[in-house]
């Protein structure tokens, strides 16, 4: 059963991300969509054959939505997004960083799950960071109290979600 407000927030998030991200609609349990963003920067000298440097950044966003989030639901969402995101990362000479973001939009989030979201932090480096690194971050929207929860690594994503939430109040 999908609340009207939750559907509106999910639609606004998908609309906002659609400008820069490739979006794949998914209906696996509470997983609503998978979004990808890829960036490659390069610098050449005179011709493309003389490549001075190049780097790649990737972001994989997993959008979950549901009625109530407890610790079991949080564990399932985190493991699904981290495992799938990790399988898409290809470390190498040009890979700088990849970010896996788990975005949760729920009608209510219980206190134990909220505490785990606030303390979640996951970082991996590949070959002592010579082949880049990966960060996993979590942002959760609790519609019952209009609060946005996140760990320390997700502060920049929180501002994006807050802007999207505020745009619906006007």
Protein backbone atom coordinates (compact mmCIF):
# COMPACT_ATOMS: atom_id res chain seq x y z
CA UNK A 1 0.00 0.00 0.00
CA UNK A 2 1.67 3.20 -1.15
CA UNK A 3 0.91 6.42 0.62
CA UNK A 4 0.17 9.37 -1.64
CA UNK A 5 2.87 11.53 -0.04
CA UNK A 6 5.54 8.83 -0.33
CA UNK A 7 4.72 8.33 -4.02
CA UNK A 8 4.98 12.10 -4.56
CA UNK A 9 8.40 12.27 -2.85
CA UNK A 10 9.68 9.28 -4.84
CA UNK A 11 8.44 10.83 -8.10
CA UNK A 12 10.14 14.16 -7.28
CA UNK A 13 13.42 12.36 -6.44
CA UNK A 14 13.31 10.42 -9.71
CA UNK A 15 12.48 13.59 -11.64
CA UNK A 16 15.35 15.48 -10.06
CA UNK A 17 17.89 12.71 -10.66
CA UNK A 18 16.72 12.12 -14.26
CA UNK A 19 18.60 15.18 -15.51
CA UNK A 20 22.03 13.64 -14.88
CA UNK A 21 21.52 9.97 -14.00
CA UNK A 22 20.57 6.92 -16.03
CA UNK A 23 17.49 5.53 -14.25
CA UNK A 24 16.36 1.91 -14.34
CA UNK A 25 12.95 1.15 -12.82
CA UNK A 26 13.12 -1.92 -10.61
CA UNK A 27 10.44 -3.65 -8.59
CA UNK A 28 12.33 -6.05 -6.32
CA UNK A 29 10.73 -5.86 -2.89
CA UNK A 30 11.08 -2.27 -1.69
CA UNK A 31 13.69 -1.36 -4.33
CA UNK A 32 12.03 1.18 -6.65
CA UNK A 33 14.87 2.32 -8.92
CA UNK A 34 18.58 2.02 -9.63
CA UNK A 35 20.35 5.16 -10.88
CA UNK A 36 23.85 5.55 -12.32
CA UNK A 37 26.07 8.56 -12.99
CA UNK A 38 29.44 8.32 -14.74
CA UNK A 39 32.01 11.07 -15.23
CA UNK A 40 35.33 10.95 -17.07
CA UNK A 41 37.82 13.80 -17.06
CA UNK A 42 40.87 13.92 -19.35
CA UNK A 43 43.65 16.31 -20.23
CA UNK A 44 45.58 16.11 -23.51
CA UNK A 45 48.63 17.83 -24.91
CA UNK A 46 48.14 18.96 -28.52
CA UNK A 47 46.55 15.66 -29.68
CA UNK A 48 44.44 12.94 -28.09
CA UNK A 49 47.37 10.54 -28.36
CA UNK A 50 49.27 12.43 -25.66
CA UNK A 51 47.06 11.89 -22.65
CA UNK A 52 48.42 13.74 -19.60
CA UNK A 53 45.85 12.34 -17.18
CA UNK A 54 42.39 10.85 -17.00
CA UNK A 55 40.07 9.96 -14.15
CA UNK A 56 36.68 8.36 -13.72
CA UNK A 57 34.06 8.93 -11.03
CA UNK A 58 30.93 6.80 -10.69
CA UNK A 59 27.85 6.94 -8.50
CA UNK A 60 25.27 4.20 -8.06
CA UNK A 61 22.05 5.19 -6.26
CA UNK A 62 19.53 2.64 -4.99
CA UNK A 63 16.10 4.08 -4.14
CA UNK A 64 14.00 2.09 -1.67
CA UNK A 65 10.46 2.97 -0.59
CA UNK A 66 8.00 1.40 1.83
CA UNK A 67 5.68 1.77 4.77
CA UNK A 68 7.82 1.05 7.81
CA UNK A 69 11.58 0.48 8.05
CA UNK A 70 13.02 -1.70 10.79
CA UNK A 71 16.51 -3.11 11.29
CA UNK A 72 15.83 -6.22 9.17
CA UNK A 73 14.60 -4.08 6.27
CA UNK A 74 17.59 -1.77 6.66
CA UNK A 75 20.00 -4.73 6.60
CA UNK A 76 18.37 -6.07 3.44
CA UNK A 77 18.52 -2.68 1.68
CA UNK A 78 22.14 -2.04 2.68
CA UNK A 79 23.37 -5.46 1.65
CA UNK A 80 21.51 -5.42 -1.68
CA UNK A 81 22.76 -1.95 -2.63
CA UNK A 82 26.33 -2.56 -1.45
CA UNK A 83 26.65 -5.96 -3.14
CA UNK A 84 25.15 -4.79 -6.44
CA UNK A 85 27.10 -1.52 -6.40
CA UNK A 86 30.36 -3.29 -5.61
CA UNK A 87 29.79 -5.67 -8.55
CA UNK A 88 29.54 -2.67 -10.93
CA UNK A 89 32.83 -1.08 -9.84
CA UNK A 90 35.87 -1.76 -12.02
CA UNK A 91 39.00 -0.53 -10.21
CA UNK A 92 41.89 0.41 -12.44
CA UNK A 93 44.40 3.05 -13.43
CA UNK A 94 41.76 5.63 -14.42
CA UNK A 95 39.27 4.84 -11.65
CA UNK A 96 39.32 7.56 -8.98
CA UNK A 97 36.23 6.92 -6.89
CA UNK A 98 32.86 5.23 -6.84
CA UNK A 99 30.01 6.05 -4.51
CA UNK A 100 27.18 3.69 -3.66
CA UNK A 101 24.22 5.59 -2.20
CA UNK A 102 21.28 3.89 -0.52
CA UNK A 103 18.32 6.28 -0.54
CA UNK A 104 15.41 5.22 1.70
CA UNK A 105 11.96 6.88 1.60
CA UNK A 106 9.65 5.40 4.25
CA UNK A 107 6.48 6.45 6.02
CA UNK A 108 8.14 5.64 9.36
CA UNK A 109 11.58 4.53 10.53
CA UNK A 110 12.00 2.87 13.91
CA UNK A 111 14.54 4.23 16.41
CA UNK A 112 17.02 1.34 16.18
CA UNK A 113 17.18 1.61 12.37
CA UNK A 114 17.53 5.42 12.63
CA UNK A 115 20.47 5.02 15.01
CA UNK A 116 22.20 2.58 12.64
CA UNK A 117 21.65 4.93 9.70
CA UNK A 118 23.29 7.81 11.57
CA UNK A 119 26.34 5.67 12.42
CA UNK A 120 26.71 3.92 9.06
CA UNK A 121 30.10 4.36 7.42
CA UNK A 122 31.70 2.10 4.84
CA UNK A 123 34.86 2.84 2.85
CA UNK A 124 37.01 0.54 0.70
CA UNK A 125 40.23 1.30 -1.10
CA UNK A 126 41.52 -0.65 -4.06
CA UNK A 127 45.23 -1.50 -4.16
CA UNK A 128 46.13 1.06 -1.49
CA UNK A 129 44.05 3.67 -3.37
CA UNK A 130 46.20 3.37 -6.50
CA UNK A 131 43.10 1.97 -8.24
CA UNK A 132 40.69 4.32 -6.44
CA UNK A 133 38.23 3.89 -3.63
CA UNK A 134 34.58 3.30 -2.86
CA UNK A 135 32.29 4.94 -0.30
CA UNK A 136 28.89 3.62 0.75
CA UNK A 137 26.50 6.21 2.13
CA UNK A 138 22.92 6.12 3.37
CA UNK A 139 20.22 8.81 3.30
CA UNK A 140 16.79 8.11 4.76
CA UNK A 141 13.60 10.18 4.68
CA UNK A 142 11.16 9.55 7.54
CA UNK A 143 7.88 11.02 6.31
CA UNK A 144 6.10 10.65 9.67
CA UNK A 145 8.40 13.22 11.28
CA UNK A 146 9.72 14.99 8.15
CA UNK A 147 13.30 14.23 9.14
CA UNK A 148 16.20 13.29 6.92
CA UNK A 149 18.70 10.87 8.44
CA UNK A 150 22.19 10.13 7.21
CA UNK A 151 25.66 9.08 8.15
CA UNK A 152 28.68 11.35 8.07
CA UNK A 153 29.67 10.45 4.49
CA UNK A 154 26.26 11.45 3.08
CA UNK A 155 26.08 15.10 4.05
CA UNK A 156 26.21 16.37 0.46
CA UNK A 157 23.44 13.97 -0.59
CA UNK A 158 21.30 15.22 2.33
CA UNK A 159 21.32 18.75 0.92
CA UNK A 160 20.06 17.41 -2.42
CA UNK A 161 17.27 15.42 -0.77
CA UNK A 162 16.35 18.37 1.46
CA UNK A 163 16.09 20.63 -1.61
CA UNK A 164 13.83 18.07 -3.31
CA UNK A 165 11.66 17.76 -0.19
CA UNK A 166 11.38 21.54 0.17
CA UNK A 167 10.39 21.95 -3.49
CA UNK A 168 7.22 19.94 -2.82
CA UNK A 169 6.09 22.21 0.03
CA UNK A 170 5.80 25.32 -2.15
